[in-house]
PDB file of N, CA and C in Angstrom:
ATOM      1  N   UNK A   1      -8.509  35.468  -2.403  1.00  0.00           N
ATOM      2  CA  UNK A   1      -7.539  34.575  -3.030  1.00  0.00           C
ATOM      3  C   UNK A   1      -7.367  33.353  -2.146  1.00  0.00           C
ATOM      4  N   UNK A   2      -7.456  32.180  -2.731  1.00  0.00           N
ATOM      5  CA  UNK A   2      -7.282  30.952  -1.949  1.00  0.00           C
ATOM      6  C   UNK A   2      -5.828  30.525  -1.979  1.00  0.00           C
ATOM      7  N   UNK A   3      -5.423  29.900  -0.886  1.00  0.00           N
ATOM      8  CA  UNK A   3      -4.052  29.398  -0.810  1.00  0.00           C
ATOM      9  C   UNK A   3      -3.976  28.058  -1.536  1.00  0.00           C
ATOM     10  N   UNK A   4      -2.834  27.767  -2.149  1.00  0.00           N
ATOM     11  CA  UNK A   4      -2.696  26.477  -2.812  1.00  0.00           C
ATOM     12  C   UNK A   4      -2.745  25.342  -1.793  1.00  0.00           C
ATOM     13  N   UNK A   5      -3.284  24.221  -2.234  1.00  0.00           N
ATOM     14  CA  UNK A   5      -3.374  23.061  -1.357  1.00  0.00           C
ATOM     15  C   UNK A   5      -1.979  22.499  -1.104  1.00  0.00           C
ATOM     16  N   UNK A   6      -1.725  22.136   0.150  1.00  0.00           N
ATOM     17  CA  UNK A   6      -0.441  21.539   0.502  1.00  0.00           C
ATOM     18  C   UNK A   6      -0.321  20.171  -0.171  1.00  0.00           C
ATOM     19  N   UNK A   7       0.838  19.864  -0.737  1.00  0.00           N
ATOM     20  CA  UNK A   7       0.988  18.560  -1.384  1.00  0.00           C
ATOM     21  C   UNK A   7       0.780  17.421  -0.381  1.00  0.00           C
ATOM     22  N   UNK A   8       0.175  16.356  -0.865  1.00  0.00           N
ATOM     23  CA  UNK A   8      -0.056  15.203  -0.006  1.00  0.00           C
ATOM     24  C   UNK A   8       1.255  14.472   0.240  1.00  0.00           C
ATOM     25  N   UNK A   9       1.415  13.986   1.458  1.00  0.00           N
ATOM     26  CA  UNK A   9       2.591  13.183   1.765  1.00  0.00           C
ATOM     27  C   UNK A   9       2.369  11.776   1.216  1.00  0.00           C
ATOM     28  N   UNK A  10       3.433  11.023   1.110  1.00  0.00           N
ATOM     29  CA  UNK A  10       3.324   9.643   0.651  1.00  0.00           C
ATOM     30  C   UNK A  10       2.389   8.848   1.556  1.00  0.00           C
ATOM     31  N   UNK A  11       2.457   9.067   2.850  1.00  0.00           N
ATOM     32  CA  UNK A  11       1.592   8.344   3.788  1.00  0.00           C
ATOM     33  C   UNK A  11       0.121   8.697   3.558  1.00  0.00           C
ATOM     34  N   UNK A  12      -0.177   9.957   3.303  1.00  0.00           N
ATOM     35  CA  UNK A  12      -1.558  10.364   3.027  1.00  0.00           C
ATOM     36  C   UNK A  12      -2.068   9.718   1.745  1.00  0.00           C
ATOM     37  N   UNK A  13      -1.215   9.661   0.743  1.00  0.00           N
ATOM     38  CA  UNK A  13      -1.594   9.020  -0.521  1.00  0.00           C
ATOM     39  C   UNK A  13      -1.863   7.544  -0.275  1.00  0.00           C
ATOM     40  N   UNK A  14      -0.982   6.899   0.445  1.00  0.00           N
ATOM     41  CA  UNK A  14      -1.121   5.478   0.744  1.00  0.00           C
ATOM     42  C   UNK A  14      -2.423   5.197   1.492  1.00  0.00           C
ATOM     43  N   UNK A  15      -2.752   6.032   2.421  1.00  0.00           N
ATOM     44  CA  UNK A  15      -3.958   5.815   3.235  1.00  0.00           C
ATOM     45  C   UNK A  15      -5.248   6.030   2.453  1.00  0.00           C
ATOM     46  N   UNK A  16      -5.122   6.493   1.226  1.00  0.00           N
ATOM     47  CA  UNK A  16      -6.298   6.600   0.359  1.00  0.00           C
ATOM     48  C   UNK A  16      -6.526   5.289  -0.388  1.00  0.00           C
ATOM     49  N   UNK A  17      -5.561   4.369  -0.334  1.00  0.00           N
ATOM     50  CA  UNK A  17      -5.651   3.131  -1.104  1.00  0.00           C
ATOM     51  C   UNK A  17      -5.622   1.872  -0.242  1.00  0.00           C
ATOM     52  N   UNK A  18      -4.663   1.751   0.650  1.00  0.00           N
ATOM     53  CA  UNK A  18      -4.516   0.517   1.440  1.00  0.00           C
ATOM     54  C   UNK A  18      -5.747   0.154   2.271  1.00  0.00           C
ATOM     55  N   UNK A  19      -6.325   1.061   3.032  1.00  0.00           N
ATOM     56  CA  UNK A  19      -7.448   0.677   3.900  1.00  0.00           C
ATOM     57  C   UNK A  19      -8.649   0.099   3.154  1.00  0.00           C
ATOM     58  N   UNK A  20      -8.824   0.437   1.880  1.00  0.00           N
ATOM     59  CA  UNK A  20      -9.948  -0.081   1.102  1.00  0.00           C
ATOM     60  C   UNK A  20      -9.609  -1.363   0.342  1.00  0.00           C
ATOM     61  N   UNK A  21      -8.364  -1.786   0.387  1.00  0.00           N
ATOM     62  CA  UNK A  21      -7.919  -2.974  -0.340  1.00  0.00           C
ATOM     63  C   UNK A  21      -8.470  -4.234   0.329  1.00  0.00           C
ATOM     64  N   UNK A  22      -8.974  -5.158  -0.478  1.00  0.00           N
ATOM     65  CA  UNK A  22      -9.565  -6.373   0.092  1.00  0.00           C
ATOM     66  C   UNK A  22      -8.522  -7.241   0.783  1.00  0.00           C
ATOM     67  N   UNK A  23      -7.307  -7.292   0.288  1.00  0.00           N
ATOM     68  CA  UNK A  23      -6.256  -8.063   0.966  1.00  0.00           C
ATOM     69  C   UNK A  23      -5.945  -7.425   2.316  1.00  0.00           C
ATOM     70  N   UNK A  24      -5.849  -6.111   2.352  1.00  0.00           N
ATOM     71  CA  UNK A  24      -5.586  -5.380   3.591  1.00  0.00           C
ATOM     72  C   UNK A  24      -6.694  -5.647   4.616  1.00  0.00           C
ATOM     73  N   UNK A  25      -7.949  -5.555   4.160  1.00  0.00           N
ATOM     74  CA  UNK A  25      -9.093  -5.743   5.070  1.00  0.00           C
ATOM     75  C   UNK A  25      -9.231  -7.192   5.522  1.00  0.00           C
ATOM     76  N   UNK A  26      -9.204  -8.124   4.591  1.00  0.00           N
ATOM     77  CA  UNK A  26      -9.415  -9.540   4.908  1.00  0.00           C
ATOM     78  C   UNK A  26      -8.366 -10.097   5.864  1.00  0.00           C
ATOM     79  N   UNK A  27      -7.144  -9.565   5.795  1.00  0.00           N
ATOM     80  CA  UNK A  27      -6.054 -10.057   6.639  1.00  0.00           C
ATOM     81  C   UNK A  27      -5.800  -9.178   7.859  1.00  0.00           C
ATOM     82  N   UNK A  28      -6.695  -8.207   8.076  1.00  0.00           N
ATOM     83  CA  UNK A  28      -6.584  -7.302   9.229  1.00  0.00           C
ATOM     84  C   UNK A  28      -5.197  -6.670   9.356  1.00  0.00           C
ATOM     85  N   UNK A  29      -4.645  -6.245   8.229  1.00  0.00           N
ATOM     86  CA  UNK A  29      -3.303  -5.665   8.239  1.00  0.00           C
ATOM     87  C   UNK A  29      -3.239  -4.353   9.018  1.00  0.00           C
ATOM     88  N   UNK A  30      -4.390  -3.724   9.241  1.00  0.00           N
ATOM     89  CA  UNK A  30      -4.378  -2.470  10.008  1.00  0.00           C
ATOM     90  C   UNK A  30      -3.928  -2.701  11.447  1.00  0.00           C
ATOM     91  N   UNK A  31      -3.981  -3.946  11.916  1.00  0.00           N
ATOM     92  CA  UNK A  31      -3.561  -4.254  13.276  1.00  0.00           C
ATOM     93  C   UNK A  31      -2.096  -4.664  13.366  1.00  0.00           C
ATOM     94  N   UNK A  32      -1.439  -4.816  12.229  1.00  0.00           N
ATOM     95  CA  UNK A  32      -0.016  -5.161  12.211  1.00  0.00           C
ATOM     96  C   UNK A  32       0.810  -3.921  12.542  1.00  0.00           C
ATOM     97  N   UNK A  33       2.008  -4.130  13.022  1.00  0.00           N
ATOM     98  CA  UNK A  33       2.875  -2.999  13.400  1.00  0.00           C
ATOM     99  C   UNK A  33       3.112  -2.061  12.215  1.00  0.00           C
ATOM    100  N   UNK A  34       3.421  -2.614  11.061  1.00  0.00           N
ATOM    101  CA  UNK A  34       3.556  -1.823   9.839  1.00  0.00           C
ATOM    102  C   UNK A  34       2.256  -1.981   9.071  1.00  0.00           C
ATOM    103  N   UNK A  35       1.546  -0.889   8.863  1.00  0.00           N
ATOM    104  CA  UNK A  35       0.241  -0.998   8.207  1.00  0.00           C
ATOM    105  C   UNK A  35       0.029   0.000   7.072  1.00  0.00           C
ATOM    106  N   UNK A  36       1.125   0.488   6.518  1.00  0.00           N
ATOM    107  CA  UNK A  36       1.043   1.312   5.317  1.00  0.00           C
ATOM    108  C   UNK A  36       2.427   1.447   4.694  1.00  0.00           C
ATOM    109  N   UNK A  37       2.470   2.012   3.539  1.00  0.00           N
ATOM    110  CA  UNK A  37       3.711   2.234   2.783  1.00  0.00           C
ATOM    111  C   UNK A  37       4.535   0.964   2.589  1.00  0.00           C
ATOM    112  N   UNK A  38       3.866  -0.118   2.259  1.00  0.00           N
ATOM    113  CA  UNK A  38       4.569  -1.380   2.007  1.00  0.00           C
ATOM    114  C   UNK A  38       5.512  -1.265   0.819  1.00  0.00           C
ATOM    115  N   UNK A  39       5.201  -0.393  -0.119  1.00  0.00           N
ATOM    116  CA  UNK A  39       6.060  -0.192  -1.288  1.00  0.00           C
ATOM    117  C   UNK A  39       7.365   0.507  -0.898  1.00  0.00           C
ATOM    118  N   UNK A  40       7.411   1.071   0.298  1.00  0.00           N
ATOM    119  CA  UNK A  40       8.613   1.732   0.801  1.00  0.00           C
ATOM    120  C   UNK A  40       9.317   0.874   1.848  1.00  0.00           C
ATOM    121  N   UNK A  41       8.530   0.306   2.774  1.00  0.00           N
ATOM    122  CA  UNK A  41       9.097  -0.414   3.920  1.00  0.00           C
ATOM    123  C   UNK A  41       9.165  -1.924   3.744  1.00  0.00           C
ATOM    124  N   UNK A  42       8.461  -2.459   2.774  1.00  0.00           N
ATOM    125  CA  UNK A  42       8.454  -3.906   2.574  1.00  0.00           C
ATOM    126  C   UNK A  42       7.186  -4.546   3.101  1.00  0.00           C
ATOM    127  N   UNK A  43       7.121  -5.857   2.970  1.00  0.00           N
ATOM    128  CA  UNK A  43       5.900  -6.592   3.293  1.00  0.00           C
ATOM    129  C   UNK A  43       5.554  -6.557   4.775  1.00  0.00           C
ATOM    130  N   UNK A  44       4.312  -6.862   5.040  1.00  0.00           N
ATOM    131  CA  UNK A  44       3.811  -6.927   6.410  1.00  0.00           C
ATOM    132  C   UNK A  44       4.455  -8.089   7.139  1.00  0.00           C
ATOM    133  N   UNK A  45       4.624  -7.951   8.429  1.00  0.00           N
ATOM    134  CA  UNK A  45       5.200  -9.039   9.230  1.00  0.00           C
ATOM    135  C   UNK A  45       4.257 -10.232   9.336  1.00  0.00           C
ATOM    136  N   UNK A  46       3.021 -10.070   8.912  1.00  0.00           N
ATOM    137  CA  UNK A  46       2.069 -11.182   8.919  1.00  0.00           C
ATOM    138  C   UNK A  46       1.795 -11.706   7.502  1.00  0.00           C
ATOM    139  N   UNK A  47       2.618 -11.311   6.549  1.00  0.00           N
ATOM    140  CA  UNK A  47       2.408 -11.686   5.146  1.00  0.00           C
ATOM    141  C   UNK A  47       2.354 -13.198   4.941  1.00  0.00           C
ATOM    142  N   UNK A  48       3.196 -13.936   5.639  1.00  0.00           N
ATOM    143  CA  UNK A  48       3.223 -15.390   5.417  1.00  0.00           C
ATOM    144  C   UNK A  48       1.942 -16.075   5.875  1.00  0.00           C
ATOM    145  N   UNK A  49       1.146 -15.395   6.698  1.00  0.00           N
ATOM    146  CA  UNK A  49      -0.121 -15.950   7.174  1.00  0.00           C
ATOM    147  C   UNK A  49      -1.328 -15.335   6.453  1.00  0.00           C
ATOM    148  N   UNK A  50      -1.058 -14.503   5.470  1.00  0.00           N
ATOM    149  CA  UNK A  50      -2.113 -13.758   4.788  1.00  0.00           C
ATOM    150  C   UNK A  50      -2.451 -14.382   3.446  1.00  0.00           C
ATOM    151  N   UNK A  51      -3.656 -14.063   2.964  1.00  0.00           N
ATOM    152  CA  UNK A  51      -4.099 -14.581   1.675  1.00  0.00           C
ATOM    153  C   UNK A  51      -4.377 -13.420   0.714  1.00  0.00           C
ATOM    154  N   UNK A  52      -4.156 -13.677  -0.560  1.00  0.00           N
ATOM    155  CA  UNK A  52      -4.428 -12.678  -1.599  1.00  0.00           C
ATOM    156  C   UNK A  52      -5.930 -12.554  -1.810  1.00  0.00           C
ATOM    157  N   UNK A  53      -6.415 -11.336  -1.844  1.00  0.00           N
ATOM    158  CA  UNK A  53      -7.828 -11.093  -2.117  1.00  0.00           C
ATOM    159  C   UNK A  53      -8.021 -10.048  -3.206  1.00  0.00           C
ATOM    160  N   UNK A  54      -7.100  -9.153  -3.345  1.00  0.00           N
ATOM    161  CA  UNK A  54      -7.189  -8.067  -4.317  1.00  0.00           C
ATOM    162  C   UNK A  54      -6.015  -7.139  -4.086  1.00  0.00           C
ATOM    163  N   UNK A  55      -5.788  -6.214  -4.995  1.00  0.00           N
ATOM    164  CA  UNK A  55      -4.645  -5.311  -4.857  1.00  0.00           C
ATOM    165  C   UNK A  55      -5.009  -3.921  -5.368  1.00  0.00           C
ATOM    166  N   UNK A  56      -4.871  -2.938  -4.505  1.00  0.00           N
ATOM    167  CA  UNK A  56      -5.125  -1.543  -4.881  1.00  0.00           C
ATOM    168  C   UNK A  56      -3.854  -0.805  -5.296  1.00  0.00           C
ATOM    169  N   UNK A  57      -2.706  -1.472  -5.211  1.00  0.00           N
ATOM    170  CA  UNK A  57      -1.442  -0.804  -5.515  1.00  0.00           C
ATOM    171  C   UNK A  57      -1.409  -0.190  -6.912  1.00  0.00           C
ATOM    172  N   UNK A  58      -1.959  -0.907  -7.871  1.00  0.00           N
ATOM    173  CA  UNK A  58      -1.867  -0.461  -9.263  1.00  0.00           C
ATOM    174  C   UNK A  58      -2.578   0.870  -9.496  1.00  0.00           C
ATOM    175  N   UNK A  59      -3.562   1.202  -8.676  1.00  0.00           N
ATOM    176  CA  UNK A  59      -4.289   2.453  -8.815  1.00  0.00           C
ATOM    177  C   UNK A  59      -3.753   3.576  -7.951  1.00  0.00           C
ATOM    178  N   UNK A  60      -2.698   3.305  -7.207  1.00  0.00           N
ATOM    179  CA  UNK A  60      -2.131   4.297  -6.292  1.00  0.00           C
ATOM    180  C   UNK A  60      -1.223   5.268  -7.039  1.00  0.00           C
ATOM    181  N   UNK A  61      -1.318   6.527  -6.679  1.00  0.00           N
ATOM    182  CA  UNK A  61      -0.477   7.564  -7.282  1.00  0.00           C
ATOM    183  C   UNK A  61       1.010   7.249  -7.111  1.00  0.00           C
ATOM    184  N   UNK A  62       1.391   6.669  -5.977  1.00  0.00           N
ATOM    185  CA  UNK A  62       2.796   6.339  -5.741  1.00  0.00           C
ATOM    186  C   UNK A  62       3.287   5.280  -6.728  1.00  0.00           C
ATOM    187  N   UNK A  63       2.424   4.337  -7.071  1.00  0.00           N
ATOM    188  CA  UNK A  63       2.776   3.262  -8.001  1.00  0.00           C
ATOM    189  C   UNK A  63       3.210   3.837  -9.341  1.00  0.00           C
ATOM    190  N   UNK A  64       2.411   4.724  -9.875  1.00  0.00           N
ATOM    191  CA  UNK A  64       2.745   5.299 -11.180  1.00  0.00           C
ATOM    192  C   UNK A  64       3.860   6.338 -11.078  1.00  0.00           C
ATOM    193  N   UNK A  65       3.801   7.176 -10.069  1.00  0.00           N
ATOM    194  CA  UNK A  65       4.803   8.242  -9.920  1.00  0.00           C
ATOM    195  C   UNK A  65       6.206   7.686  -9.725  1.00  0.00           C
ATOM    196  N   UNK A  66       6.335   6.609  -8.959  1.00  0.00           N
ATOM    197  CA  UNK A  66       7.647   6.040  -8.645  1.00  0.00           C
ATOM    198  C   UNK A  66       8.058   4.927  -9.610  1.00  0.00           C
ATOM    199  N   UNK A  67       7.201   4.615 -10.574  1.00  0.00           N
ATOM    200  CA  UNK A  67       7.532   3.584 -11.555  1.00  0.00           C
ATOM    201  C   UNK A  67       7.616   2.190 -10.945  1.00  0.00           C
ATOM    202  N   UNK A  68       6.753   1.919  -9.962  1.00  0.00           N
ATOM    203  CA  UNK A  68       6.775   0.631  -9.280  1.00  0.00           C
ATOM    204  C   UNK A  68       6.213  -0.466 -10.176  1.00  0.00           C
ATOM    205  N   UNK A  69       6.552  -1.692  -9.864  1.00  0.00           N
ATOM    206  CA  UNK A  69       6.097  -2.843 -10.647  1.00  0.00           C
ATOM    207  C   UNK A  69       5.604  -3.932  -9.702  1.00  0.00           C
ATOM    208  N   UNK A  70       4.633  -4.693 -10.140  1.00  0.00           N
ATOM    209  CA  UNK A  70       4.205  -5.889  -9.432  1.00  0.00           C
ATOM    210  C   UNK A  70       3.022  -5.739  -8.503  1.00  0.00           C
ATOM    211  N   UNK A  71       2.986  -4.715  -7.705  1.00  0.00           N
ATOM    212  CA  UNK A  71       1.912  -4.574  -6.730  1.00  0.00           C
ATOM    213  C   UNK A  71       2.009  -5.609  -5.614  1.00  0.00           C
ATOM    214  N   UNK A  72       0.954  -5.722  -4.835  1.00  0.00           N
ATOM    215  CA  UNK A  72       0.882  -6.665  -3.712  1.00  0.00           C
ATOM    216  C   UNK A  72       2.065  -6.504  -2.751  1.00  0.00           C
ATOM    217  N   UNK A  73       2.501  -5.278  -2.528  1.00  0.00           N
ATOM    218  CA  UNK A  73       3.688  -5.030  -1.706  1.00  0.00           C
ATOM    219  C   UNK A  73       3.502  -5.484  -0.257  1.00  0.00           C
ATOM    220  N   UNK A  74       2.265  -5.468   0.229  1.00  0.00           N
ATOM    221  CA  UNK A  74       2.004  -5.898   1.609  1.00  0.00           C
ATOM    222  C   UNK A  74       2.324  -7.383   1.803  1.00  0.00           C
ATOM    223  N   UNK A  75       2.207  -8.178   0.739  1.00  0.00           N
ATOM    224  CA  UNK A  75       2.460  -9.608   0.828  1.00  0.00           C
ATOM    225  C   UNK A  75       3.815 -10.035   0.271  1.00  0.00           C
ATOM    226  N   UNK A  76       4.320  -9.300  -0.733  1.00  0.00           N
ATOM    227  CA  UNK A  76       5.535  -9.737  -1.430  1.00  0.00           C
ATOM    228  C   UNK A  76       6.724  -8.814  -1.264  1.00  0.00           C
ATOM    229  N   UNK A  77       6.578  -7.720  -0.546  1.00  0.00           N
ATOM    230  CA  UNK A  77       7.695  -6.833  -0.304  1.00  0.00           C
ATOM    231  C   UNK A  77       7.972  -5.854  -1.427  1.00  0.00           C
ATOM    232  N   UNK A  78       9.137  -5.249  -1.370  1.00  0.00           N
ATOM    233  CA  UNK A  78       9.491  -4.162  -2.271  1.00  0.00           C
ATOM    234  C   UNK A  78       9.516  -4.551  -3.746  1.00  0.00           C
ATOM    235  N   UNK A  79       9.829  -5.785  -4.046  1.00  0.00           N
ATOM    236  CA  UNK A  79       9.877  -6.222  -5.442  1.00  0.00           C
ATOM    237  C   UNK A  79       8.493  -6.427  -6.028  1.00  0.00           C
ATOM    238  N   UNK A  80       7.479  -6.574  -5.183  1.00  0.00           N
ATOM    239  CA  UNK A  80       6.125  -6.803  -5.654  1.00  0.00           C
ATOM    240  C   UNK A  80       5.939  -8.233  -6.136  1.00  0.00           C
ATOM    241  N   UNK A  81       4.723  -8.528  -6.538  1.00  0.00           N
ATOM    242  CA  UNK A  81       4.402  -9.870  -7.018  1.00  0.00           C
ATOM    243  C   UNK A  81       5.001 -10.099  -8.392  1.00  0.00           C
ATOM    244  N   UNK A  82       5.624 -11.214  -8.575  1.00  0.00           N
ATOM    245  CA  UNK A  82       6.246 -11.554  -9.875  1.00  0.00           C
ATOM    246  C   UNK A  82       5.238 -12.227 -10.780  1.00  0.00           C
TER     247      UNK A  82
END
């Protein structure tokens, strides 16, 4: 008998999407102090110096599960892109 898989944490879910995002990669957001869960913590501290390249938020399980809107949380914060 196999044991059920432990549910993924929000951070684990996020790390399946953010690192592959073109905006995340192009702006080297992995080197910023906050480098995941932008939909929870808000935009990156380097957002004002960053450029839009693409957004993986819309395909993230957290986006649909939490009823989030807008995407691009790394650049626009909790409200997402308008």
